[in-house]
């Protein structure tokens, strides 16, 4: 199933724009920048701390690159629930960085602060298409496997004798069909 999630165009400077997407992190509203140049989804260490539900932030063994540097210390976290439109990502692994410089710039421009950056890991995995004219991002959402519910049927076993041969016959009778089977058995006798 393909979903469409609206975004806001934020005018940054000159002819530049950022794409702001409303998401939910652990059922709490949050804002993220759509960044096709980001290799991974990244959260701001200060702002994500307000949205975590016991998730542990751990030091990352590798230095992160991008955002104007190639040697930024980072951390990692597994977000219990990240919701983008109707796409629900559970136990989503993400990077945690200090994005204070991004939020300071946004404050100076009179724009809302963001919790993070949605990166190419999401775009690739869910075959994202960004439509600037309609201001939405389309994502493929995997179909949920429906678990078939078994109908509760009870059955009773009944042994009957046939008049002709005297052999025993085992008949399984459903409770719904019990009356009909009894009626048929009477006719056979």
C-alpha atoms as a PDB file:
ATOM      1  CA  UNK A   1       0.000   0.000   0.000  1.00  0.00           C
ATOM      2  CA  UNK A   2       1.298   3.462  -0.886  1.00  0.00           C
ATOM      3  CA  UNK A   3       0.734   6.315   1.585  1.00  0.00           C
ATOM      4  CA  UNK A   4       1.133  10.060   1.157  1.00  0.00           C
ATOM      5  CA  UNK A   5       2.400  12.146   4.060  1.00  0.00           C
ATOM      6  CA  UNK A   6       2.205  15.951   3.755  1.00  0.00           C
ATOM      7  CA  UNK A   7       5.210  18.166   4.452  1.00  0.00           C
ATOM      8  CA  UNK A   8       5.788  21.914   4.814  1.00  0.00           C
ATOM      9  CA  UNK A   9       8.248  23.853   2.691  1.00  0.00           C
ATOM     10  CA  UNK A  10      10.402  26.055   4.917  1.00  0.00           C
ATOM     11  CA  UNK A  11      12.071  28.970   3.186  1.00  0.00           C
ATOM     12  CA  UNK A  12      15.615  29.078   4.515  1.00  0.00           C
ATOM     13  CA  UNK A  13      17.625  31.755   2.709  1.00  0.00           C
ATOM     14  CA  UNK A  14      17.676  33.075  -0.815  1.00  0.00           C
ATOM     15  CA  UNK A  15      16.057  30.382  -2.956  1.00  0.00           C
ATOM     16  CA  UNK A  16      16.701  27.573  -0.456  1.00  0.00           C
ATOM     17  CA  UNK A  17      14.105  25.367   1.194  1.00  0.00           C
ATOM     18  CA  UNK A  18      13.936  22.625   3.784  1.00  0.00           C
ATOM     19  CA  UNK A  19      11.117  20.088   3.976  1.00  0.00           C
ATOM     20  CA  UNK A  20       9.491  19.774   7.403  1.00  0.00           C
ATOM     21  CA  UNK A  21       7.618  16.578   8.206  1.00  0.00           C
ATOM     22  CA  UNK A  22       5.338  15.975  11.194  1.00  0.00           C
ATOM     23  CA  UNK A  23       5.923  12.547  12.779  1.00  0.00           C
ATOM     24  CA  UNK A  24       5.250  10.837  16.092  1.00  0.00           C
ATOM     25  CA  UNK A  25       7.957   9.446  18.318  1.00  0.00           C
ATOM     26  CA  UNK A  26       6.582   7.132  21.010  1.00  0.00           C
ATOM     27  CA  UNK A  27       3.113   8.630  20.359  1.00  0.00           C
ATOM     28  CA  UNK A  28       4.355  12.198  20.926  1.00  0.00           C
ATOM     29  CA  UNK A  29       4.299  14.778  18.102  1.00  0.00           C
ATOM     30  CA  UNK A  30       7.685  15.667  16.615  1.00  0.00           C
ATOM     31  CA  UNK A  31       9.153  17.478  13.605  1.00  0.00           C
ATOM     32  CA  UNK A  32      11.828  16.181  11.275  1.00  0.00           C
ATOM     33  CA  UNK A  33      13.627  17.548   8.251  1.00  0.00           C
ATOM     34  CA  UNK A  34      13.474  15.426   5.096  1.00  0.00           C
ATOM     35  CA  UNK A  35      17.097  15.174   3.963  1.00  0.00           C
ATOM     36  CA  UNK A  36      17.841  12.967   0.959  1.00  0.00           C
ATOM     37  CA  UNK A  37      21.553  13.682   1.430  1.00  0.00           C
ATOM     38  CA  UNK A  38      21.587  12.178   4.930  1.00  0.00           C
ATOM     39  CA  UNK A  39      22.623   8.531   4.844  1.00  0.00           C
ATOM     40  CA  UNK A  40      20.818   7.741   8.105  1.00  0.00           C
ATOM     41  CA  UNK A  41      17.983   9.041  10.222  1.00  0.00           C
ATOM     42  CA  UNK A  42      19.432  11.211  12.995  1.00  0.00           C
ATOM     43  CA  UNK A  43      17.906  12.648  16.155  1.00  0.00           C
ATOM     44  CA  UNK A  44      19.009  15.659  18.198  1.00  0.00           C
ATOM     45  CA  UNK A  45      20.405  14.451  21.521  1.00  0.00           C
ATOM     46  CA  UNK A  46      18.674  17.140  23.601  1.00  0.00           C
ATOM     47  CA  UNK A  47      15.247  16.992  21.992  1.00  0.00           C
ATOM     48  CA  UNK A  48      15.039  13.182  21.630  1.00  0.00           C
ATOM     49  CA  UNK A  49      15.697  12.763  25.363  1.00  0.00           C
ATOM     50  CA  UNK A  50      12.276  14.353  25.994  1.00  0.00           C
ATOM     51  CA  UNK A  51      10.555  11.727  23.817  1.00  0.00           C
ATOM     52  CA  UNK A  52      12.228   8.513  24.927  1.00  0.00           C
ATOM     53  CA  UNK A  53      10.356   5.889  26.957  1.00  0.00           C
ATOM     54  CA  UNK A  54      13.218   4.172  28.697  1.00  0.00           C
ATOM     55  CA  UNK A  55      15.223   3.608  25.508  1.00  0.00           C
ATOM     56  CA  UNK A  56      18.924   3.691  26.226  1.00  0.00           C
ATOM     57  CA  UNK A  57      21.246   5.977  24.291  1.00  0.00           C
ATOM     58  CA  UNK A  58      24.635   4.314  23.831  1.00  0.00           C
ATOM     59  CA  UNK A  59      27.944   5.600  22.506  1.00  0.00           C
ATOM     60  CA  UNK A  60      28.595   4.791  18.862  1.00  0.00           C
ATOM     61  CA  UNK A  61      31.945   3.203  18.010  1.00  0.00           C
ATOM     62  CA  UNK A  62      32.187   5.108  14.715  1.00  0.00           C
ATOM     63  CA  UNK A  63      32.504   8.809  14.002  1.00  0.00           C
ATOM     64  CA  UNK A  64      29.654  10.256  11.966  1.00  0.00           C
ATOM     65  CA  UNK A  65      30.182  12.299   8.834  1.00  0.00           C
ATOM     66  CA  UNK A  66      28.084  15.046   7.310  1.00  0.00           C
ATOM     67  CA  UNK A  67      26.431  18.174   8.683  1.00  0.00           C
ATOM     68  CA  UNK A  68      29.588  20.161   7.965  1.00  0.00           C
ATOM     69  CA  UNK A  69      32.068  17.788   9.598  1.00  0.00           C
ATOM     70  CA  UNK A  70      33.662  14.405   9.071  1.00  0.00           C
ATOM     71  CA  UNK A  71      34.537  13.597  12.670  1.00  0.00           C
ATOM     72  CA  UNK A  72      31.449  14.067  14.819  1.00  0.00           C
ATOM     73  CA  UNK A  73      30.987  11.923  17.922  1.00  0.00           C
ATOM     74  CA  UNK A  74      27.643  10.173  17.852  1.00  0.00           C
ATOM     75  CA  UNK A  75      25.432   7.880  19.840  1.00  0.00           C
ATOM     76  CA  UNK A  76      22.836   5.328  18.880  1.00  0.00           C
ATOM     77  CA  UNK A  77      19.338   4.565  20.115  1.00  0.00           C
ATOM     78  CA  UNK A  78      16.540   2.185  19.242  1.00  0.00           C
ATOM     79  CA  UNK A  79      13.280   4.174  19.086  1.00  0.00           C
ATOM     80  CA  UNK A  80      10.365   2.063  20.353  1.00  0.00           C
ATOM     81  CA  UNK A  81       7.916   3.608  17.892  1.00  0.00           C
ATOM     82  CA  UNK A  82       8.463   6.064  15.029  1.00  0.00           C
ATOM     83  CA  UNK A  83       5.305   6.875  13.100  1.00  0.00           C
ATOM     84  CA  UNK A  84       5.381   8.610   9.704  1.00  0.00           C
ATOM     85  CA  UNK A  85       1.799   8.998   8.496  1.00  0.00           C
ATOM     86  CA  UNK A  86       0.375   5.486   8.895  1.00  0.00           C
ATOM     87  CA  UNK A  87       3.803   3.856   8.550  1.00  0.00           C
ATOM     88  CA  UNK A  88       4.748   2.578  12.002  1.00  0.00           C
ATOM     89  CA  UNK A  89       8.375   1.625  12.595  1.00  0.00           C
ATOM     90  CA  UNK A  90       8.991  -0.313  15.794  1.00  0.00           C
ATOM     91  CA  UNK A  91      12.363  -0.640  17.516  1.00  0.00           C
ATOM     92  CA  UNK A  92      13.888   1.633  14.894  1.00  0.00           C
ATOM     93  CA  UNK A  93      17.693   1.993  15.135  1.00  0.00           C
ATOM     94  CA  UNK A  94      18.876   5.586  14.756  1.00  0.00           C
ATOM     95  CA  UNK A  95      21.838   7.869  15.308  1.00  0.00           C
ATOM     96  CA  UNK A  96      21.859  10.588  17.984  1.00  0.00           C
ATOM     97  CA  UNK A  97      23.900  13.756  17.376  1.00  0.00           C
ATOM     98  CA  UNK A  98      24.096  17.268  18.735  1.00  0.00           C
ATOM     99  CA  UNK A  99      21.909  19.193  16.266  1.00  0.00           C
ATOM    100  CA  UNK A 100      21.921  22.335  18.411  1.00  0.00           C
ATOM    101  CA  UNK A 101      23.502  24.359  15.579  1.00  0.00           C
ATOM    102  CA  UNK A 102      20.567  23.420  13.292  1.00  0.00           C
ATOM    103  CA  UNK A 103      17.952  24.410  15.885  1.00  0.00           C
ATOM    104  CA  UNK A 104      19.784  27.674  16.687  1.00  0.00           C
ATOM    105  CA  UNK A 105      19.719  28.598  12.992  1.00  0.00           C
ATOM    106  CA  UNK A 106      16.005  27.725  12.820  1.00  0.00           C
ATOM    107  CA  UNK A 107      15.320  29.930  15.863  1.00  0.00           C
ATOM    108  CA  UNK A 108      17.158  32.854  14.235  1.00  0.00           C
ATOM    109  CA  UNK A 109      15.008  32.408  11.108  1.00  0.00           C
ATOM    110  CA  UNK A 110      11.808  32.196  13.170  1.00  0.00           C
ATOM    111  CA  UNK A 111      11.272  28.527  12.271  1.00  0.00           C
ATOM    112  CA  UNK A 112      10.237  25.686  14.585  1.00  0.00           C
ATOM    113  CA  UNK A 113      12.933  23.530  16.142  1.00  0.00           C
ATOM    114  CA  UNK A 114      13.248  19.946  14.914  1.00  0.00           C
ATOM    115  CA  UNK A 115      13.781  16.641  16.679  1.00  0.00           C
ATOM    116  CA  UNK A 116      15.831  15.203  13.861  1.00  0.00           C
ATOM    117  CA  UNK A 117      16.560  14.479  10.237  1.00  0.00           C
ATOM    118  CA  UNK A 118      14.790  11.748   8.266  1.00  0.00           C
ATOM    119  CA  UNK A 119      17.459  10.131   6.118  1.00  0.00           C
ATOM    120  CA  UNK A 120      17.978   7.895   3.120  1.00  0.00           C
ATOM    121  CA  UNK A 121      17.677   4.716   5.198  1.00  0.00           C
ATOM    122  CA  UNK A 122      13.906   5.372   5.392  1.00  0.00           C
ATOM    123  CA  UNK A 123      13.639   6.653   1.812  1.00  0.00           C
ATOM    124  CA  UNK A 124      15.364   3.590   0.397  1.00  0.00           C
ATOM    125  CA  UNK A 125      13.548   1.007   2.537  1.00  0.00           C
ATOM    126  CA  UNK A 126      10.080   2.431   1.808  1.00  0.00           C
ATOM    127  CA  UNK A 127      10.650   3.556  -1.810  1.00  0.00           C
ATOM    128  CA  UNK A 128      10.062   7.240  -1.111  1.00  0.00           C
ATOM    129  CA  UNK A 129       8.943   9.713  -3.766  1.00  0.00           C
ATOM    130  CA  UNK A 130       8.926  13.422  -2.929  1.00  0.00           C
ATOM    131  CA  UNK A 131       6.305  15.483  -4.768  1.00  0.00           C
ATOM    132  CA  UNK A 132       7.150  19.169  -4.413  1.00  0.00           C
ATOM    133  CA  UNK A 133       4.102  20.347  -6.368  1.00  0.00           C
ATOM    134  CA  UNK A 134       1.667  18.478  -4.095  1.00  0.00           C
ATOM    135  CA  UNK A 135       3.871  18.870  -0.993  1.00  0.00           C
ATOM    136  CA  UNK A 136       3.849  15.257   0.122  1.00  0.00           C
ATOM    137  CA  UNK A 137       6.173  12.307   0.368  1.00  0.00           C
ATOM    138  CA  UNK A 138       4.898   8.897  -0.773  1.00  0.00           C
ATOM    139  CA  UNK A 139       6.057   5.732   0.974  1.00  0.00           C
ATOM    140  CA  UNK A 140       5.370   2.041   0.426  1.00  0.00           C
ATOM    141  CA  UNK A 141       3.885   0.523   3.562  1.00  0.00           C
ATOM    142  CA  UNK A 142       4.155  -3.252   3.811  1.00  0.00           C
ATOM    143  CA  UNK A 143       0.809  -5.022   4.063  1.00  0.00           C
ATOM    144  CA  UNK A 144       0.027  -6.266   7.544  1.00  0.00           C
ATOM    145  CA  UNK A 145      -0.407  -9.999   7.703  1.00  0.00           C
ATOM    146  CA  UNK A 146      -3.894 -10.727   8.911  1.00  0.00           C
ATOM    147  CA  UNK A 147      -4.159 -13.563  11.336  1.00  0.00           C
ATOM    148  CA  UNK A 148      -7.175 -15.663  10.473  1.00  0.00           C
ATOM    149  CA  UNK A 149      -9.388 -16.238  13.443  1.00  0.00           C
ATOM    150  CA  UNK A 150     -10.556 -19.788  13.812  1.00  0.00           C
ATOM    151  CA  UNK A 151     -14.258 -20.149  14.301  1.00  0.00           C
ATOM    152  CA  UNK A 152     -15.069 -21.845  17.542  1.00  0.00           C
ATOM    153  CA  UNK A 153     -17.031 -24.931  16.666  1.00  0.00           C
ATOM    154  CA  UNK A 154     -17.837 -27.643  19.069  1.00  0.00           C
ATOM    155  CA  UNK A 155     -18.579 -31.149  18.002  1.00  0.00           C
ATOM    156  CA  UNK A 156     -19.932 -34.228  19.684  1.00  0.00           C
ATOM    157  CA  UNK A 157     -19.269 -37.840  18.866  1.00  0.00           C
ATOM    158  CA  UNK A 158     -22.185 -40.206  18.686  1.00  0.00           C
ATOM    159  CA  UNK A 159     -22.217 -43.922  17.999  1.00  0.00           C
ATOM    160  CA  UNK A 160     -25.231 -45.292  16.201  1.00  0.00           C
ATOM    161  CA  UNK A 161     -26.178 -48.808  15.110  1.00  0.00           C
ATOM    162  CA  UNK A 162     -27.559 -49.587  11.731  1.00  0.00           C
ATOM    163  CA  UNK A 163     -30.458 -52.024  11.703  1.00  0.00           C
ATOM    164  CA  UNK A 164     -29.261 -53.947   8.640  1.00  0.00           C
ATOM    165  CA  UNK A 165     -25.730 -54.971   9.570  1.00  0.00           C
ATOM    166  CA  UNK A 166     -25.369 -54.320  13.237  1.00  0.00           C
ATOM    167  CA  UNK A 167     -21.960 -52.658  12.546  1.00  0.00           C
ATOM    168  CA  UNK A 168     -21.038 -49.624  14.600  1.00  0.00           C
ATOM    169  CA  UNK A 169     -20.616 -46.332  12.773  1.00  0.00           C
ATOM    170  CA  UNK A 170     -18.854 -43.226  14.173  1.00  0.00           C
ATOM    171  CA  UNK A 171     -20.575 -39.967  13.228  1.00  0.00           C
ATOM    172  CA  UNK A 172     -19.126 -36.512  14.072  1.00  0.00           C
ATOM    173  CA  UNK A 173     -21.965 -34.056  14.466  1.00  0.00           C
ATOM    174  CA  UNK A 174     -21.409 -30.265  14.494  1.00  0.00           C
ATOM    175  CA  UNK A 175     -23.578 -28.394  16.984  1.00  0.00           C
ATOM    176  CA  UNK A 176     -25.061 -26.272  14.179  1.00  0.00           C
ATOM    177  CA  UNK A 177     -25.957 -29.320  12.124  1.00  0.00           C
ATOM    178  CA  UNK A 178     -26.918 -31.555  15.024  1.00  0.00           C
ATOM    179  CA  UNK A 179     -30.667 -31.275  14.487  1.00  0.00           C
ATOM    180  CA  UNK A 180     -30.361 -31.918  10.736  1.00  0.00           C
ATOM    181  CA  UNK A 181     -28.135 -34.971  11.233  1.00  0.00           C
ATOM    182  CA  UNK A 182     -30.474 -36.429  13.845  1.00  0.00           C
ATOM    183  CA  UNK A 183     -33.384 -35.972  11.453  1.00  0.00           C
ATOM    184  CA  UNK A 184     -31.416 -37.714   8.626  1.00  0.00           C
ATOM    185  CA  UNK A 185     -30.399 -40.558  10.922  1.00  0.00           C
ATOM    186  CA  UNK A 186     -34.044 -41.145  11.849  1.00  0.00           C
ATOM    187  CA  UNK A 187     -35.010 -41.340   8.161  1.00  0.00           C
ATOM    188  CA  UNK A 188     -32.267 -43.943   7.465  1.00  0.00           C
ATOM    189  CA  UNK A 189     -33.544 -46.215  10.237  1.00  0.00           C
END
